[in-house]
Amino acid sequence: MRRLLPLLCLLILAAPATAQREPEWRASREVEVLVHPFSYAPRTIRLRAGEPVRLRFLNQGQGTYSFSAEAFFRASDVRGGDAAAVEGGNVRLAPGERRVIALVPRAGRYSMRSPNMVHWALGMRGEIVVE
């Protein structure tokens, strides 16, 4: 038992160092994503891997539109309260609605698009580049 005591103390001291800390969301960079009828702006969203970011979506159309990026949202660490808003990889926005999704992205290239084939064909698509 005495031999295990130093090991137990070491494990207890190391535990806080291995625990992940919640990012400081208020201090994170904000990126605005404008959802227009049949387009997104910017067409290419550039983010830094591992850096907390708040994506601020704004629907500027008269209809309900969606922003779909399943692989991106699946690969990112989405803030707890925002996880339900991106369930299935889609953000659905009513006319004039604003929504902020906070996350920590992982490196990669991801497609973004409208899940509506007509909207997609008319230009509601783009790319998310995380470096």
C-alpha atoms as a PDB file:
ATOM      1  CA  MET A   1       0.000   0.000   0.000  1.00  0.00           C
ATOM      2  CA  ARG A   2       2.843   2.391   0.817  1.00  0.00           C
ATOM      3  CA  ARG A   3       4.263   1.890  -2.664  1.00  0.00           C
ATOM      4  CA  LEU A   4       0.971   2.954  -4.235  1.00  0.00           C
ATOM      5  CA  LEU A   5       0.631   6.145  -2.178  1.00  0.00           C
ATOM      6  CA  PRO A   6       3.159   8.206  -4.208  1.00  0.00           C
ATOM      7  CA  LEU A   7       1.520   7.053  -7.440  1.00  0.00           C
ATOM      8  CA  LEU A   8      -1.916   8.007  -6.133  1.00  0.00           C
ATOM      9  CA  CYS A   9      -0.666  11.472  -5.115  1.00  0.00           C
ATOM     10  CA  LEU A  10       0.879  11.982  -8.546  1.00  0.00           C
ATOM     11  CA  LEU A  11      -2.390  11.061 -10.259  1.00  0.00           C
ATOM     12  CA  ILE A  12      -4.365  13.472  -8.076  1.00  0.00           C
ATOM     13  CA  LEU A  13      -1.953  16.327  -8.799  1.00  0.00           C
ATOM     14  CA  ALA A  14      -1.974  15.626 -12.552  1.00  0.00           C
ATOM     15  CA  ALA A  15      -5.777  15.477 -12.875  1.00  0.00           C
ATOM     16  CA  PRO A  16      -6.433  19.255 -13.123  1.00  0.00           C
ATOM     17  CA  ALA A  17      -3.717  19.602 -15.762  1.00  0.00           C
ATOM     18  CA  THR A  18      -5.361  17.036 -18.021  1.00  0.00           C
ATOM     19  CA  ALA A  19      -8.873  18.434 -17.670  1.00  0.00           C
ATOM     20  CA  GLN A  20      -9.940  20.604 -20.608  1.00  0.00           C
ATOM     21  CA  ARG A  21     -10.782  24.190 -19.826  1.00  0.00           C
ATOM     22  CA  GLU A  22     -13.850  25.849 -21.305  1.00  0.00           C
ATOM     23  CA  PRO A  23     -12.811  28.492 -23.877  1.00  0.00           C
ATOM     24  CA  GLU A  24     -13.455  32.157 -23.104  1.00  0.00           C
ATOM     25  CA  TRP A  25     -16.239  32.604 -25.653  1.00  0.00           C
ATOM     26  CA  ARG A  26     -16.735  36.348 -25.147  1.00  0.00           C
ATOM     27  CA  ALA A  27     -13.114  36.983 -26.117  1.00  0.00           C
ATOM     28  CA  SER A  28     -13.257  34.701 -29.166  1.00  0.00           C
ATOM     29  CA  ARG A  29     -13.269  35.994 -32.729  1.00  0.00           C
ATOM     30  CA  GLU A  30     -16.660  36.484 -34.356  1.00  0.00           C
ATOM     31  CA  VAL A  31     -17.252  35.649 -38.027  1.00  0.00           C
ATOM     32  CA  GLU A  32     -20.423  36.872 -39.679  1.00  0.00           C
ATOM     33  CA  VAL A  33     -22.142  34.576 -42.183  1.00  0.00           C
ATOM     34  CA  LEU A  34     -24.827  36.307 -44.233  1.00  0.00           C
ATOM     35  CA  VAL A  35     -27.514  34.051 -45.630  1.00  0.00           C
ATOM     36  CA  HIS A  36     -28.996  35.662 -48.737  1.00  0.00           C
ATOM     37  CA  PRO A  37     -31.606  34.129 -51.004  1.00  0.00           C
ATOM     38  CA  PHE A  38     -29.512  31.726 -53.098  1.00  0.00           C
ATOM     39  CA  SER A  39     -26.053  32.670 -51.720  1.00  0.00           C
ATOM     40  CA  TYR A  40     -23.842  32.812 -48.643  1.00  0.00           C
ATOM     41  CA  ALA A  41     -21.381  35.589 -47.831  1.00  0.00           C
ATOM     42  CA  PRO A  42     -18.554  35.028 -47.517  1.00  0.00           C
ATOM     43  CA  ARG A  43     -18.402  32.231 -50.052  1.00  0.00           C
ATOM     44  CA  THR A  44     -15.264  30.899 -48.332  1.00  0.00           C
ATOM     45  CA  ILE A  45     -15.048  31.011 -44.531  1.00  0.00           C
ATOM     46  CA  ARG A  46     -11.467  30.882 -43.213  1.00  0.00           C
ATOM     47  CA  LEU A  47     -10.856  29.821 -39.605  1.00  0.00           C
ATOM     48  CA  ARG A  48      -7.910  28.800 -37.436  1.00  0.00           C
ATOM     49  CA  ALA A  49      -7.790  25.245 -36.127  1.00  0.00           C
ATOM     50  CA  GLY A  50      -8.149  24.943 -32.368  1.00  0.00           C
ATOM     51  CA  GLU A  51      -9.105  28.608 -31.940  1.00  0.00           C
ATOM     52  CA  PRO A  52     -12.536  29.339 -30.433  1.00  0.00           C
ATOM     53  CA  VAL A  53     -14.819  31.231 -32.808  1.00  0.00           C
ATOM     54  CA  ARG A  54     -18.390  32.473 -32.803  1.00  0.00           C
ATOM     55  CA  LEU A  55     -20.179  32.070 -36.134  1.00  0.00           C
ATOM     56  CA  ARG A  56     -22.903  34.713 -36.345  1.00  0.00           C
ATOM     57  CA  PHE A  57     -25.547  33.746 -38.895  1.00  0.00           C
ATOM     58  CA  LEU A  58     -27.977  36.324 -40.259  1.00  0.00           C
ATOM     59  CA  ASN A  59     -30.798  35.451 -42.646  1.00  0.00           C
ATOM     60  CA  GLN A  60     -31.259  38.441 -44.953  1.00  0.00           C
ATOM     61  CA  GLY A  61     -34.009  36.831 -47.011  1.00  0.00           C
ATOM     62  CA  GLN A  62     -37.780  36.843 -46.776  1.00  0.00           C
ATOM     63  CA  GLY A  63     -37.963  33.052 -46.511  1.00  0.00           C
ATOM     64  CA  THR A  64     -36.613  30.396 -44.169  1.00  0.00           C
ATOM     65  CA  TYR A  65     -33.157  29.215 -45.253  1.00  0.00           C
ATOM     66  CA  SER A  66     -30.686  26.650 -43.973  1.00  0.00           C
ATOM     67  CA  PHE A  67     -26.925  26.471 -43.717  1.00  0.00           C
ATOM     68  CA  SER A  68     -25.670  22.900 -43.904  1.00  0.00           C
ATOM     69  CA  ALA A  69     -22.106  21.806 -43.097  1.00  0.00           C
ATOM     70  CA  GLU A  70     -22.471  18.348 -41.564  1.00  0.00           C
ATOM     71  CA  ALA A  71     -18.804  17.314 -41.649  1.00  0.00           C
ATOM     72  CA  PHE A  72     -17.666  20.673 -40.273  1.00  0.00           C
ATOM     73  CA  PHE A  73     -20.031  20.676 -37.306  1.00  0.00           C
ATOM     74  CA  ARG A  74     -19.326  16.995 -36.605  1.00  0.00           C
ATOM     75  CA  ALA A  75     -15.555  17.652 -36.557  1.00  0.00           C
ATOM     76  CA  SER A  76     -15.848  20.775 -34.364  1.00  0.00           C
ATOM     77  CA  ASP A  77     -16.269  21.054 -30.624  1.00  0.00           C
ATOM     78  CA  VAL A  78     -19.556  22.947 -30.443  1.00  0.00           C
ATOM     79  CA  ARG A  79     -20.365  24.882 -27.259  1.00  0.00           C
ATOM     80  CA  GLY A  80     -22.813  22.868 -25.152  1.00  0.00           C
ATOM     81  CA  GLY A  81     -25.818  25.164 -25.478  1.00  0.00           C
ATOM     82  CA  ASP A  82     -25.379  25.477 -29.255  1.00  0.00           C
ATOM     83  CA  ALA A  83     -25.193  21.751 -29.983  1.00  0.00           C
ATOM     84  CA  ALA A  84     -28.961  21.414 -30.427  1.00  0.00           C
ATOM     85  CA  ALA A  85     -28.965  24.244 -33.015  1.00  0.00           C
ATOM     86  CA  VAL A  86     -26.569  22.304 -35.277  1.00  0.00           C
ATOM     87  CA  GLU A  87     -28.034  18.854 -34.742  1.00  0.00           C
ATOM     88  CA  GLY A  88     -27.845  17.015 -38.044  1.00  0.00           C
ATOM     89  CA  GLY A  89     -25.302  19.533 -39.339  1.00  0.00           C
ATOM     90  CA  ASN A  90     -27.865  22.206 -40.244  1.00  0.00           C
ATOM     91  CA  VAL A  91     -28.592  25.702 -38.977  1.00  0.00           C
ATOM     92  CA  ARG A  92     -32.147  26.696 -39.895  1.00  0.00           C
ATOM     93  CA  LEU A  93     -32.965  30.416 -39.920  1.00  0.00           C
ATOM     94  CA  ALA A  94     -36.347  32.135 -40.135  1.00  0.00           C
ATOM     95  CA  PRO A  95     -36.620  35.424 -42.078  1.00  0.00           C
ATOM     96  CA  GLY A  96     -34.422  38.058 -40.395  1.00  0.00           C
ATOM     97  CA  GLU A  97     -33.263  35.628 -37.698  1.00  0.00           C
ATOM     98  CA  ARG A  98     -29.810  35.914 -36.135  1.00  0.00           C
ATOM     99  CA  ARG A  99     -28.102  33.002 -34.427  1.00  0.00           C
ATOM    100  CA  VAL A 100     -24.643  32.623 -32.903  1.00  0.00           C
ATOM    101  CA  ILE A 101     -22.938  29.225 -32.826  1.00  0.00           C
ATOM    102  CA  ALA A 102     -19.733  29.032 -30.780  1.00  0.00           C
ATOM    103  CA  LEU A 103     -17.262  26.268 -31.555  1.00  0.00           C
ATOM    104  CA  VAL A 104     -13.643  25.202 -31.790  1.00  0.00           C
ATOM    105  CA  PRO A 105     -12.950  23.950 -35.341  1.00  0.00           C
ATOM    106  CA  ARG A 106     -10.552  21.219 -36.410  1.00  0.00           C
ATOM    107  CA  ALA A 107      -8.251  21.543 -39.416  1.00  0.00           C
ATOM    108  CA  GLY A 108      -9.683  20.566 -42.777  1.00  0.00           C
ATOM    109  CA  ARG A 109     -11.675  21.675 -45.810  1.00  0.00           C
ATOM    110  CA  TYR A 110     -15.427  21.386 -45.499  1.00  0.00           C
ATOM    111  CA  SER A 111     -18.283  22.092 -47.861  1.00  0.00           C
ATOM    112  CA  MET A 112     -21.226  24.251 -46.891  1.00  0.00           C
ATOM    113  CA  ARG A 113     -24.459  24.253 -48.820  1.00  0.00           C
ATOM    114  CA  SER A 114     -28.177  24.597 -48.704  1.00  0.00           C
ATOM    115  CA  PRO A 115     -29.939  21.270 -48.164  1.00  0.00           C
ATOM    116  CA  ASN A 116     -32.521  22.461 -50.723  1.00  0.00           C
ATOM    117  CA  MET A 117     -31.324  21.276 -54.165  1.00  0.00           C
ATOM    118  CA  VAL A 118     -32.838  24.265 -55.991  1.00  0.00           C
ATOM    119  CA  HIS A 119     -31.120  26.745 -53.652  1.00  0.00           C
ATOM    120  CA  TRP A 120     -27.871  24.787 -53.941  1.00  0.00           C
ATOM    121  CA  ALA A 121     -28.050  24.793 -57.753  1.00  0.00           C
ATOM    122  CA  LEU A 122     -28.645  28.558 -57.767  1.00  0.00           C
ATOM    123  CA  GLY A 123     -25.499  29.246 -55.719  1.00  0.00           C
ATOM    124  CA  MET A 124     -26.147  28.578 -52.034  1.00  0.00           C
ATOM    125  CA  ARG A 125     -22.881  26.750 -51.474  1.00  0.00           C
ATOM    126  CA  GLY A 126     -19.304  27.412 -50.500  1.00  0.00           C
ATOM    127  CA  GLU A 127     -16.371  26.170 -48.469  1.00  0.00           C
ATOM    128  CA  ILE A 128     -15.038  26.341 -44.930  1.00  0.00           C
ATOM    129  CA  VAL A 129     -11.231  26.242 -44.729  1.00  0.00           C
ATOM    130  CA  VAL A 130      -9.719  25.571 -41.302  1.00  0.00           C
ATOM    131  CA  GLU A 131      -5.920  25.829 -41.150  1.00  0.00           C
END
